[in-house]
Structure formats: structure tokens, C-alpha cells
Amino acid sequence: MKNYPPQFKADAVALYQSRLQATIRQVAADLGINPETLRNWVRAAGASRPRGRRAEVPTEPPTPLEAENAALRKKVRELEEEREILGRAAKYFAAETRW
């Protein structure tokens, strides 16, 4: 049984929460951990994903360019967070294999 540091666990849960389209199995595979391990961490953290957002009535509908920019900004944030978490995971596993 492997013992993961608390920061790695927190990062894994954060990655799962940030990737709304990904399953626990997919995120666990990306991190190289057992899906049940990640599932337990998510439950222990009391983490949940947003199931829907309340509809806000905008004063004016966004233009197609504004909508595209917002979607691209969101995607960039997600990718940056994923890269950071996966980088930490890679460092963790690289240090683990040196022993």
C-alpha cells in the first residue's frame, strides 16, 4: 500500500473537480493511481462537482466573440491547473522511483 502526501491527495481531488468532463477513472489513470484510491480521497474531502449553475439573465447576450473568449479563458485555466498538478505528480513519482 502506497502512502501519498496530503498535498498530492489535495491536488488530485482538485484536478478531478476541475475536469468536469473526466471520470474518476480517467483522472486516476492520468495520475497513475488506483481509481478507488482517488474515489476515497474525493469522498473524504467532501468534494463535489457543480451539478448545474443557476441561470443568470444577462442584460445583453454576449456576442459570439465574447462567448468564444470566455470559453477559451476557461479552457486555458483548466489546462494550466492540470499541467501544474500533473507536474507535481511527475516529481512525486520521479522521487519515489529513485529509492
PDB file of N, CA and C in Angstrom:
ATOM      1  N   MET A   1       0.840  -1.168   0.000  1.00  0.00           N
ATOM      2  CA  MET A   1       0.000   0.000   0.000  1.00  0.00           C
ATOM      3  C   MET A   1       0.892   1.240   0.000  1.00  0.00           C
ATOM      4  N   LYS A   2       0.635   2.145  -0.923  1.00  0.00           N
ATOM      5  CA  LYS A   2       1.432   3.358  -1.025  1.00  0.00           C
ATOM      6  C   LYS A   2       0.874   4.410  -0.078  1.00  0.00           C
ATOM      7  N   ASN A   3       1.768   5.250   0.396  1.00  0.00           N
ATOM      8  CA  ASN A   3       1.387   6.344   1.268  1.00  0.00           C
ATOM      9  C   ASN A   3       1.659   7.644   0.518  1.00  0.00           C
ATOM     10  N   TYR A   4       0.596   8.354   0.148  1.00  0.00           N
ATOM     11  CA  TYR A   4       0.725   9.583  -0.618  1.00  0.00           C
ATOM     12  C   TYR A   4       0.704  10.789   0.323  1.00  0.00           C
ATOM     13  N   PRO A   5       1.484  11.818   0.006  1.00  0.00           N
ATOM     14  CA  PRO A   5       1.476  13.016   0.858  1.00  0.00           C
ATOM     15  C   PRO A   5       0.134  13.753   0.737  1.00  0.00           C
ATOM     16  N   PRO A   6      -0.259  14.468   1.769  1.00  0.00           N
ATOM     17  CA  PRO A   6      -1.538  15.186   1.760  1.00  0.00           C
ATOM     18  C   PRO A   6      -1.664  16.175   0.597  1.00  0.00           C
ATOM     19  N   GLN A   7      -0.573  16.826   0.223  1.00  0.00           N
ATOM     20  CA  GLN A   7      -0.647  17.792  -0.875  1.00  0.00           C
ATOM     21  C   GLN A   7      -0.970  17.100  -2.196  1.00  0.00           C
ATOM     22  N   PHE A   8      -0.410  15.914  -2.407  1.00  0.00           N
ATOM     23  CA  PHE A   8      -0.708  15.157  -3.622  1.00  0.00           C
ATOM     24  C   PHE A   8      -2.179  14.776  -3.651  1.00  0.00           C
ATOM     25  N   LYS A   9      -2.712  14.351  -2.509  1.00  0.00           N
ATOM     26  CA  LYS A   9      -4.128  13.987  -2.426  1.00  0.00           C
ATOM     27  C   LYS A   9      -5.013  15.187  -2.734  1.00  0.00           C
ATOM     28  N   ALA A  10      -4.676  16.326  -2.136  1.00  0.00           N
ATOM     29  CA  ALA A  10      -5.468  17.539  -2.364  1.00  0.00           C
ATOM     30  C   ALA A  10      -5.407  17.964  -3.832  1.00  0.00           C
ATOM     31  N   ASP A  11      -4.228  17.863  -4.436  1.00  0.00           N
ATOM     32  CA  ASP A  11      -4.088  18.215  -5.847  1.00  0.00           C
ATOM     33  C   ASP A  11      -4.876  17.265  -6.740  1.00  0.00           C
ATOM     34  N   ALA A  12      -4.889  15.996  -6.399  1.00  0.00           N
ATOM     35  CA  ALA A  12      -5.628  15.020  -7.189  1.00  0.00           C
ATOM     36  C   ALA A  12      -7.124  15.308  -7.125  1.00  0.00           C
ATOM     37  N   VAL A  13      -7.623  15.627  -5.942  1.00  0.00           N
ATOM     38  CA  VAL A  13      -9.048  15.962  -5.786  1.00  0.00           C
ATOM     39  C   VAL A  13      -9.363  17.233  -6.568  1.00  0.00           C
ATOM     40  N   ALA A  14      -8.482  18.227  -6.488  1.00  0.00           N
ATOM     41  CA  ALA A  14      -8.691  19.480  -7.220  1.00  0.00           C
ATOM     42  C   ALA A  14      -8.707  19.236  -8.726  1.00  0.00           C
ATOM     43  N   LEU A  15      -7.842  18.374  -9.202  1.00  0.00           N
ATOM     44  CA  LEU A  15      -7.814  18.048 -10.625  1.00  0.00           C
ATOM     45  C   LEU A  15      -9.124  17.396 -11.041  1.00  0.00           C
ATOM     46  N   TYR A  16      -9.616  16.464 -10.242  1.00  0.00           N
ATOM     47  CA  TYR A  16     -10.891  15.807 -10.547  1.00  0.00           C
ATOM     48  C   TYR A  16     -12.015  16.836 -10.607  1.00  0.00           C
ATOM     49  N   GLN A  17     -12.027  17.762  -9.660  1.00  0.00           N
ATOM     50  CA  GLN A  17     -13.085  18.765  -9.633  1.00  0.00           C
ATOM     51  C   GLN A  17     -12.984  19.724 -10.811  1.00  0.00           C
ATOM     52  N   SER A  18     -11.785  20.001 -11.273  1.00  0.00           N
ATOM     53  CA  SER A  18     -11.621  20.970 -12.357  1.00  0.00           C
ATOM     54  C   SER A  18     -11.932  20.372 -13.732  1.00  0.00           C
ATOM     55  N   ARG A  19     -11.828  19.083 -13.853  1.00  0.00           N
ATOM     56  CA  ARG A  19     -12.080  18.434 -15.145  1.00  0.00           C
ATOM     57  C   ARG A  19     -13.503  17.892 -15.155  1.00  0.00           C
ATOM     58  N   LEU A  20     -14.454  18.744 -15.481  1.00  0.00           N
ATOM     59  CA  LEU A  20     -15.868  18.404 -15.378  1.00  0.00           C
ATOM     60  C   LEU A  20     -16.276  17.251 -16.294  1.00  0.00           C
ATOM     61  N   GLN A  21     -15.611  17.076 -17.402  1.00  0.00           N
ATOM     62  CA  GLN A  21     -15.984  16.019 -18.341  1.00  0.00           C
ATOM     63  C   GLN A  21     -15.286  14.690 -18.052  1.00  0.00           C
ATOM     64  N   ALA A  22     -14.282  14.698 -17.192  1.00  0.00           N
ATOM     65  CA  ALA A  22     -13.487  13.491 -16.924  1.00  0.00           C
ATOM     66  C   ALA A  22     -14.098  12.687 -15.784  1.00  0.00           C
ATOM     67  N   THR A  23     -13.927  11.386 -15.863  1.00  0.00           N
ATOM     68  CA  THR A  23     -14.379  10.499 -14.798  1.00  0.00           C
ATOM     69  C   THR A  23     -13.251  10.296 -13.791  1.00  0.00           C
ATOM     70  N   ILE A  24     -13.612   9.727 -12.662  1.00  0.00           N
ATOM     71  CA  ILE A  24     -12.593   9.407 -11.657  1.00  0.00           C
ATOM     72  C   ILE A  24     -11.567   8.454 -12.260  1.00  0.00           C
ATOM     73  N   ARG A  25     -12.032   7.503 -13.033  1.00  0.00           N
ATOM     74  CA  ARG A  25     -11.133   6.528 -13.656  1.00  0.00           C
ATOM     75  C   ARG A  25     -10.119   7.217 -14.577  1.00  0.00           C
ATOM     76  N   GLN A  26     -10.565   8.195 -15.356  1.00  0.00           N
ATOM     77  CA  GLN A  26      -9.674   8.899 -16.278  1.00  0.00           C
ATOM     78  C   GLN A  26      -8.635   9.729 -15.524  1.00  0.00           C
ATOM     79  N   VAL A  27      -9.078  10.448 -14.492  1.00  0.00           N
ATOM     80  CA  VAL A  27      -8.155  11.277 -13.725  1.00  0.00           C
ATOM     81  C   VAL A  27      -7.149  10.389 -13.003  1.00  0.00           C
ATOM     82  N   ALA A  28      -7.627   9.286 -12.431  1.00  0.00           N
ATOM     83  CA  ALA A  28      -6.727   8.361 -11.728  1.00  0.00           C
ATOM     84  C   ALA A  28      -5.690   7.788 -12.695  1.00  0.00           C
ATOM     85  N   ALA A  29      -6.105   7.455 -13.900  1.00  0.00           N
ATOM     86  CA  ALA A  29      -5.168   6.927 -14.897  1.00  0.00           C
ATOM     87  C   ALA A  29      -4.113   7.975 -15.255  1.00  0.00           C
ATOM     88  N   ASP A  30      -4.531   9.232 -15.375  1.00  0.00           N
ATOM     89  CA  ASP A  30      -3.581  10.308 -15.680  1.00  0.00           C
ATOM     90  C   ASP A  30      -2.545  10.462 -14.574  1.00  0.00           C
ATOM     91  N   LEU A  31      -2.970  10.246 -13.331  1.00  0.00           N
ATOM     92  CA  LEU A  31      -2.061  10.397 -12.195  1.00  0.00           C
ATOM     93  C   LEU A  31      -1.320   9.113 -11.850  1.00  0.00           C
ATOM     94  N   GLY A  32      -1.735   8.006 -12.445  1.00  0.00           N
ATOM     95  CA  GLY A  32      -1.079   6.727 -12.168  1.00  0.00           C
ATOM     96  C   GLY A  32      -1.451   6.139 -10.821  1.00  0.00           C
ATOM     97  N   ILE A  33      -2.685   6.388 -10.399  1.00  0.00           N
ATOM     98  CA  ILE A  33      -3.151   5.835  -9.123  1.00  0.00           C
ATOM     99  C   ILE A  33      -4.400   4.991  -9.353  1.00  0.00           C
ATOM    100  N   ASN A  34      -4.762   4.215  -8.360  1.00  0.00           N
ATOM    101  CA  ASN A  34      -5.943   3.377  -8.435  1.00  0.00           C
ATOM    102  C   ASN A  34      -7.193   4.254  -8.375  1.00  0.00           C
ATOM    103  N   PRO A  35      -8.195   3.991  -9.239  1.00  0.00           N
ATOM    104  CA  PRO A  35      -9.417   4.799  -9.220  1.00  0.00           C
ATOM    105  C   PRO A  35     -10.129   4.787  -7.866  1.00  0.00           C
ATOM    106  N   GLU A  36     -10.108   3.663  -7.169  1.00  0.00           N
ATOM    107  CA  GLU A  36     -10.760   3.609  -5.864  1.00  0.00           C
ATOM    108  C   GLU A  36     -10.040   4.476  -4.838  1.00  0.00           C
ATOM    109  N   THR A  37      -8.739   4.596  -4.981  1.00  0.00           N
ATOM    110  CA  THR A  37      -7.977   5.473  -4.096  1.00  0.00           C
ATOM    111  C   THR A  37      -8.436   6.912  -4.285  1.00  0.00           C
ATOM    112  N   LEU A  38      -8.524   7.349  -5.542  1.00  0.00           N
ATOM    113  CA  LEU A  38      -8.985   8.702  -5.826  1.00  0.00           C
ATOM    114  C   LEU A  38     -10.426   8.882  -5.355  1.00  0.00           C
ATOM    115  N   ARG A  39     -11.269   7.902  -5.586  1.00  0.00           N
ATOM    116  CA  ARG A  39     -12.666   7.988  -5.158  1.00  0.00           C
ATOM    117  C   ARG A  39     -12.750   8.192  -3.637  1.00  0.00           C
ATOM    118  N   ASN A  40     -11.924   7.472  -2.894  1.00  0.00           N
ATOM    119  CA  ASN A  40     -11.906   7.622  -1.437  1.00  0.00           C
ATOM    120  C   ASN A  40     -11.438   9.021  -1.031  1.00  0.00           C
ATOM    121  N   TRP A  41     -10.428   9.544  -1.736  1.00  0.00           N
ATOM    122  CA  TRP A  41      -9.945  10.884  -1.420  1.00  0.00           C
ATOM    123  C   TRP A  41     -11.026  11.929  -1.689  1.00  0.00           C
ATOM    124  N   VAL A  42     -11.749  11.759  -2.799  1.00  0.00           N
ATOM    125  CA  VAL A  42     -12.814  12.698  -3.149  1.00  0.00           C
ATOM    126  C   VAL A  42     -13.909  12.659  -2.085  1.00  0.00           C
ATOM    127  N   ARG A  43     -14.292  11.472  -1.675  1.00  0.00           N
ATOM    128  CA  ARG A  43     -15.313  11.342  -0.626  1.00  0.00           C
ATOM    129  C   ARG A  43     -14.838  11.929   0.687  1.00  0.00           C
ATOM    130  N   ALA A  44     -13.591  11.636   1.061  1.00  0.00           N
ATOM    131  CA  ALA A  44     -13.048  12.131   2.329  1.00  0.00           C
ATOM    132  C   ALA A  44     -12.976  13.661   2.337  1.00  0.00           C
ATOM    133  N   ALA A  45     -12.709  14.243   1.191  1.00  0.00           N
ATOM    134  CA  ALA A  45     -12.616  15.696   1.094  1.00  0.00           C
ATOM    135  C   ALA A  45     -13.994  16.349   1.045  1.00  0.00           C
ATOM    136  N   GLY A  46     -15.020  15.518   0.878  1.00  0.00           N
ATOM    137  CA  GLY A  46     -16.366  16.067   0.758  1.00  0.00           C
ATOM    138  C   GLY A  46     -16.524  16.871  -0.515  1.00  0.00           C
ATOM    139  N   ALA A  47     -15.704  16.549  -1.491  1.00  0.00           N
ATOM    140  CA  ALA A  47     -15.697  17.300  -2.743  1.00  0.00           C
ATOM    141  C   ALA A  47     -16.855  16.863  -3.625  1.00  0.00           C
ATOM    142  N   SER A  48     -17.370  17.809  -4.321  1.00  0.00           N
ATOM    143  CA  SER A  48     -18.402  17.506  -5.300  1.00  0.00           C
ATOM    144  C   SER A  48     -18.238  18.461  -6.469  1.00  0.00           C
ATOM    145  N   ARG A  49     -18.784  18.059  -7.545  1.00  0.00           N
ATOM    146  CA  ARG A  49     -18.732  18.901  -8.732  1.00  0.00           C
ATOM    147  C   ARG A  49     -20.016  19.698  -8.812  1.00  0.00           C
ATOM    148  N   PRO A  50     -19.941  20.857  -9.420  1.00  0.00           N
ATOM    149  CA  PRO A  50     -21.182  21.610  -9.610  1.00  0.00           C
ATOM    150  C   PRO A  50     -22.095  20.839 -10.556  1.00  0.00           C
ATOM    151  N   ARG A  51     -23.322  20.653 -10.156  1.00  0.00           N
ATOM    152  CA  ARG A  51     -24.258  19.880 -10.976  1.00  0.00           C
ATOM    153  C   ARG A  51     -25.008  20.755 -11.955  1.00  0.00           C
ATOM    154  N   GLY A  52     -24.889  22.004 -11.801  1.00  0.00           N
ATOM    155  CA  GLY A  52     -25.553  22.941 -12.703  1.00  0.00           C
ATOM    156  C   GLY A  52     -25.432  24.328 -12.120  1.00  0.00           C
ATOM    157  N   ARG A  53     -25.541  25.266 -12.941  1.00  0.00           N
ATOM    158  CA  ARG A  53     -25.447  26.639 -12.467  1.00  0.00           C
ATOM    159  C   ARG A  53     -26.812  27.289 -12.614  1.00  0.00           C
ATOM    160  N   ARG A  54     -27.083  28.178 -11.708  1.00  0.00           N
ATOM    161  CA  ARG A  54     -28.329  28.916 -11.813  1.00  0.00           C
ATOM    162  C   ARG A  54     -28.272  29.799 -13.033  1.00  0.00           C
ATOM    163  N   ALA A  55     -29.378  29.856 -13.692  1.00  0.00           N
ATOM    164  CA  ALA A  55     -29.438  30.664 -14.900  1.00  0.00           C
ATOM    165  C   ALA A  55     -29.432  32.142 -14.519  1.00  0.00           C
ATOM    166  N   GLU A  56     -28.474  32.844 -15.047  1.00  0.00           N
ATOM    167  CA  GLU A  56     -28.416  34.280 -14.851  1.00  0.00           C
ATOM    168  C   GLU A  56     -28.981  34.935 -16.101  1.00  0.00           C
ATOM    169  N   VAL A  57     -29.747  35.945 -15.889  1.00  0.00           N
ATOM    170  CA  VAL A  57     -30.328  36.652 -17.017  1.00  0.00           C
ATOM    171  C   VAL A  57     -29.414  37.824 -17.348  1.00  0.00           C
ATOM    172  N   PRO A  58     -28.646  37.694 -18.425  1.00  0.00           N
ATOM    173  CA  PRO A  58     -27.748  38.795 -18.777  1.00  0.00           C
ATOM    174  C   PRO A  58     -28.539  39.974 -19.327  1.00  0.00           C
ATOM    175  N   THR A  59     -28.008  41.167 -19.121  1.00  0.00           N
ATOM    176  CA  THR A  59     -28.675  42.338 -19.652  1.00  0.00           C
ATOM    177  C   THR A  59     -28.649  42.311 -21.173  1.00  0.00           C
ATOM    178  N   GLU A  60     -27.527  41.901 -21.712  1.00  0.00           N
ATOM    179  CA  GLU A  60     -27.407  41.725 -23.160  1.00  0.00           C
ATOM    180  C   GLU A  60     -26.715  40.392 -23.406  1.00  0.00           C
ATOM    181  N   PRO A  61     -27.179  39.653 -24.385  1.00  0.00           N
ATOM    182  CA  PRO A  61     -26.490  38.385 -24.665  1.00  0.00           C
ATOM    183  C   PRO A  61     -25.067  38.667 -25.158  1.00  0.00           C
ATOM    184  N   PRO A  62     -24.118  37.813 -24.751  1.00  0.00           N
ATOM    185  CA  PRO A  62     -22.744  38.046 -25.210  1.00  0.00           C
ATOM    186  C   PRO A  62     -22.631  37.846 -26.716  1.00  0.00           C
ATOM    187  N   THR A  63     -21.736  38.602 -27.290  1.00  0.00           N
ATOM    188  CA  THR A  63     -21.504  38.432 -28.719  1.00  0.00           C
ATOM    189  C   THR A  63     -20.770  37.108 -28.921  1.00  0.00           C
ATOM    190  N   PRO A  64     -20.801  36.577 -30.113  1.00  0.00           N
ATOM    191  CA  PRO A  64     -20.083  35.313 -30.353  1.00  0.00           C
ATOM    192  C   PRO A  64     -18.605  35.409 -29.990  1.00  0.00           C
ATOM    193  N   LEU A  65     -17.988  36.551 -30.230  1.00  0.00           N
ATOM    194  CA  LEU A  65     -16.570  36.723 -29.904  1.00  0.00           C
ATOM    195  C   LEU A  65     -16.363  36.711 -28.391  1.00  0.00           C
ATOM    196  N   GLU A  66     -17.232  37.392 -27.640  1.00  0.00           N
ATOM    197  CA  GLU A  66     -17.127  37.392 -26.181  1.00  0.00           C
ATOM    198  C   GLU A  66     -17.325  35.989 -25.621  1.00  0.00           C
ATOM    199  N   ALA A  67     -18.286  35.259 -26.168  1.00  0.00           N
ATOM    200  CA  ALA A  67     -18.545  33.897 -25.714  1.00  0.00           C
ATOM    201  C   ALA A  67     -17.346  32.995 -25.993  1.00  0.00           C
ATOM    202  N   GLU A  68     -16.762  33.144 -27.170  1.00  0.00           N
ATOM    203  CA  GLU A  68     -15.591  32.347 -27.517  1.00  0.00           C
ATOM    204  C   GLU A  68     -14.406  32.692 -26.611  1.00  0.00           C
ATOM    205  N   ASN A  69     -14.204  33.983 -26.348  1.00  0.00           N
ATOM    206  CA  ASN A  69     -13.113  34.400 -25.464  1.00  0.00           C
ATOM    207  C   ASN A  69     -13.301  33.835 -24.063  1.00  0.00           C
ATOM    208  N   ALA A  70     -14.513  33.873 -23.547  1.00  0.00           N
ATOM    209  CA  ALA A  70     -14.781  33.338 -22.218  1.00  0.00           C
ATOM    210  C   ALA A  70     -14.502  31.838 -22.176  1.00  0.00           C
ATOM    211  N   ALA A  71     -14.924  31.121 -23.207  1.00  0.00           N
ATOM    212  CA  ALA A  71     -14.691  29.673 -23.264  1.00  0.00           C
ATOM    213  C   ALA A  71     -13.191  29.369 -23.342  1.00  0.00           C
ATOM    214  N   LEU A  72     -12.465  30.152 -24.124  1.00  0.00           N
ATOM    215  CA  LEU A  72     -11.024  29.930 -24.255  1.00  0.00           C
ATOM    216  C   LEU A  72     -10.287  30.257 -22.957  1.00  0.00           C
ATOM    217  N   ARG A  73     -10.697  31.318 -22.270  1.00  0.00           N
ATOM    218  CA  ARG A  73     -10.074  31.642 -20.981  1.00  0.00           C
ATOM    219  C   ARG A  73     -10.294  30.518 -19.980  1.00  0.00           C
ATOM    220  N   LYS A  74     -11.493  29.977 -19.955  1.00  0.00           N
ATOM    221  CA  LYS A  74     -11.811  28.880 -19.043  1.00  0.00           C
ATOM    222  C   LYS A  74     -10.947  27.666 -19.367  1.00  0.00           C
ATOM    223  N   LYS A  75     -10.816  27.342 -20.635  1.00  0.00           N
ATOM    224  CA  LYS A  75     -10.019  26.196 -21.051  1.00  0.00           C
ATOM    225  C   LYS A  75      -8.548  26.386 -20.681  1.00  0.00           C
ATOM    226  N   VAL A  76      -8.033  27.587 -20.863  1.00  0.00           N
ATOM    227  CA  VAL A  76      -6.636  27.872 -20.510  1.00  0.00           C
ATOM    228  C   VAL A  76      -6.433  27.665 -19.013  1.00  0.00           C
ATOM    229  N   ARG A  77      -7.365  28.170 -18.184  1.00  0.00           N
ATOM    230  CA  ARG A  77      -7.256  27.978 -16.728  1.00  0.00           C
ATOM    231  C   ARG A  77      -7.243  26.496 -16.376  1.00  0.00           C
ATOM    232  N   GLU A  78      -8.144  25.723 -16.992  1.00  0.00           N
ATOM    233  CA  GLU A  78      -8.202  24.284 -16.723  1.00  0.00           C
ATOM    234  C   GLU A  78      -6.898  23.596 -17.114  1.00  0.00           C
ATOM    235  N   LEU A  79      -6.382  23.917 -18.288  1.00  0.00           N
ATOM    236  CA  LEU A  79      -5.159  23.278 -18.766  1.00  0.00           C
ATOM    237  C   LEU A  79      -3.952  23.657 -17.916  1.00  0.00           C
ATOM    238  N   GLU A  80      -3.895  24.917 -17.479  1.00  0.00           N
ATOM    239  CA  GLU A  80      -2.788  25.325 -16.620  1.00  0.00           C
ATOM    240  C   GLU A  80      -2.834  24.596 -15.284  1.00  0.00           C
ATOM    241  N   GLU A  81      -4.026  24.454 -14.731  1.00  0.00           N
ATOM    242  CA  GLU A  81      -4.156  23.745 -13.455  1.00  0.00           C
ATOM    243  C   GLU A  81      -3.791  22.271 -13.616  1.00  0.00           C
ATOM    244  N   GLU A  82      -4.273  21.654 -14.692  1.00  0.00           N
ATOM    245  CA  GLU A  82      -3.945  20.249 -14.944  1.00  0.00           C
ATOM    246  C   GLU A  82      -2.435  20.066 -15.107  1.00  0.00           C
ATOM    247  N   ARG A  83      -1.803  20.955 -15.861  1.00  0.00           N
ATOM    248  CA  ARG A  83      -0.363  20.851 -16.074  1.00  0.00           C
ATOM    249  C   ARG A  83       0.396  20.977 -14.762  1.00  0.00           C
ATOM    250  N   GLU A  84      -0.032  21.894 -13.917  1.00  0.00           N
ATOM    251  CA  GLU A  84       0.623  22.083 -12.629  1.00  0.00           C
ATOM    252  C   GLU A  84       0.479  20.834 -11.752  1.00  0.00           C
ATOM    253  N   ILE A  85      -0.711  20.287 -11.697  1.00  0.00           N
ATOM    254  CA  ILE A  85      -0.944  19.107 -10.863  1.00  0.00           C
ATOM    255  C   ILE A  85      -0.199  17.897 -11.416  1.00  0.00           C
ATOM    256  N   LEU A  86      -0.235  17.711 -12.725  1.00  0.00           N
ATOM    257  CA  LEU A  86       0.479  16.583 -13.321  1.00  0.00           C
ATOM    258  C   LEU A  86       1.987  16.744 -13.163  1.00  0.00           C
ATOM    259  N   GLY A  87       2.477  17.975 -13.196  1.00  0.00           N
ATOM    260  CA  GLY A  87       3.904  18.215 -12.955  1.00  0.00           C
ATOM    261  C   GLY A  87       4.300  17.818 -11.546  1.00  0.00           C
ATOM    262  N   ARG A  88       3.448  18.165 -10.575  1.00  0.00           N
ATOM    263  CA  ARG A  88       3.717  17.761  -9.195  1.00  0.00           C
ATOM    264  C   ARG A  88       3.691  16.242  -9.059  1.00  0.00           C
ATOM    265  N   ALA A  89       2.739  15.617  -9.735  1.00  0.00           N
ATOM    266  CA  ALA A  89       2.647  14.155  -9.666  1.00  0.00           C
ATOM    267  C   ALA A  89       3.893  13.518 -10.272  1.00  0.00           C
ATOM    268  N   ALA A  90       4.363  14.075 -11.381  1.00  0.00           N
ATOM    269  CA  ALA A  90       5.563  13.529 -12.022  1.00  0.00           C
ATOM    270  C   ALA A  90       6.769  13.647 -11.098  1.00  0.00           C
ATOM    271  N   LYS A  91       6.903  14.792 -10.423  1.00  0.00           N
ATOM    272  CA  LYS A  91       8.007  14.969  -9.478  1.00  0.00           C
ATOM    273  C   LYS A  91       7.906  13.976  -8.335  1.00  0.00           C
ATOM    274  N   TYR A  92       6.688  13.764  -7.850  1.00  0.00           N
ATOM    275  CA  TYR A  92       6.488  12.831  -6.747  1.00  0.00           C
ATOM    276  C   TYR A  92       6.905  11.422  -7.161  1.00  0.00           C
ATOM    277  N   PHE A  93       6.433  10.989  -8.334  1.00  0.00           N
ATOM    278  CA  PHE A  93       6.754   9.627  -8.779  1.00  0.00           C
ATOM    279  C   PHE A  93       8.222   9.489  -9.170  1.00  0.00           C
ATOM    280  N   ALA A  94       8.831  10.551  -9.668  1.00  0.00           N
ATOM    281  CA  ALA A  94      10.260  10.500 -10.007  1.00  0.00           C
ATOM    282  C   ALA A  94      11.083  10.342  -8.739  1.00  0.00           C
ATOM    283  N   ALA A  95      10.694  11.035  -7.692  1.00  0.00           N
ATOM    284  CA  ALA A  95      11.417  10.932  -6.418  1.00  0.00           C
ATOM    285  C   ALA A  95      11.196   9.560  -5.801  1.00  0.00           C
ATOM    286  N   GLU A  96      10.031   8.996  -5.989  1.00  0.00           N
ATOM    287  CA  GLU A  96       9.704   7.682  -5.418  1.00  0.00           C
ATOM    288  C   GLU A  96      10.508   6.577  -6.082  1.00  0.00           C
ATOM    289  N   THR A  97      10.776   6.698  -7.382  1.00  0.00           N
ATOM    290  CA  THR A  97      11.477   5.644  -8.106  1.00  0.00           C
ATOM    291  C   THR A  97      12.989   5.676  -7.856  1.00  0.00           C
ATOM    292  N   ARG A  98      13.506   6.777  -7.301  1.00  0.00           N
ATOM    293  CA  ARG A  98      14.945   6.854  -7.034  1.00  0.00           C
ATOM    294  C   ARG A  98      15.342   5.950  -5.884  1.00  0.00           C
ATOM    295  N   TRP A  99      14.455   5.602  -5.022  1.00  0.00           N
ATOM    296  CA  TRP A  99      14.786   4.786  -3.857  1.00  0.00           C
ATOM    297  C   TRP A  99      14.901   3.395  -4.279  1.00  0.00           C
TER     298      TRP A  99
END
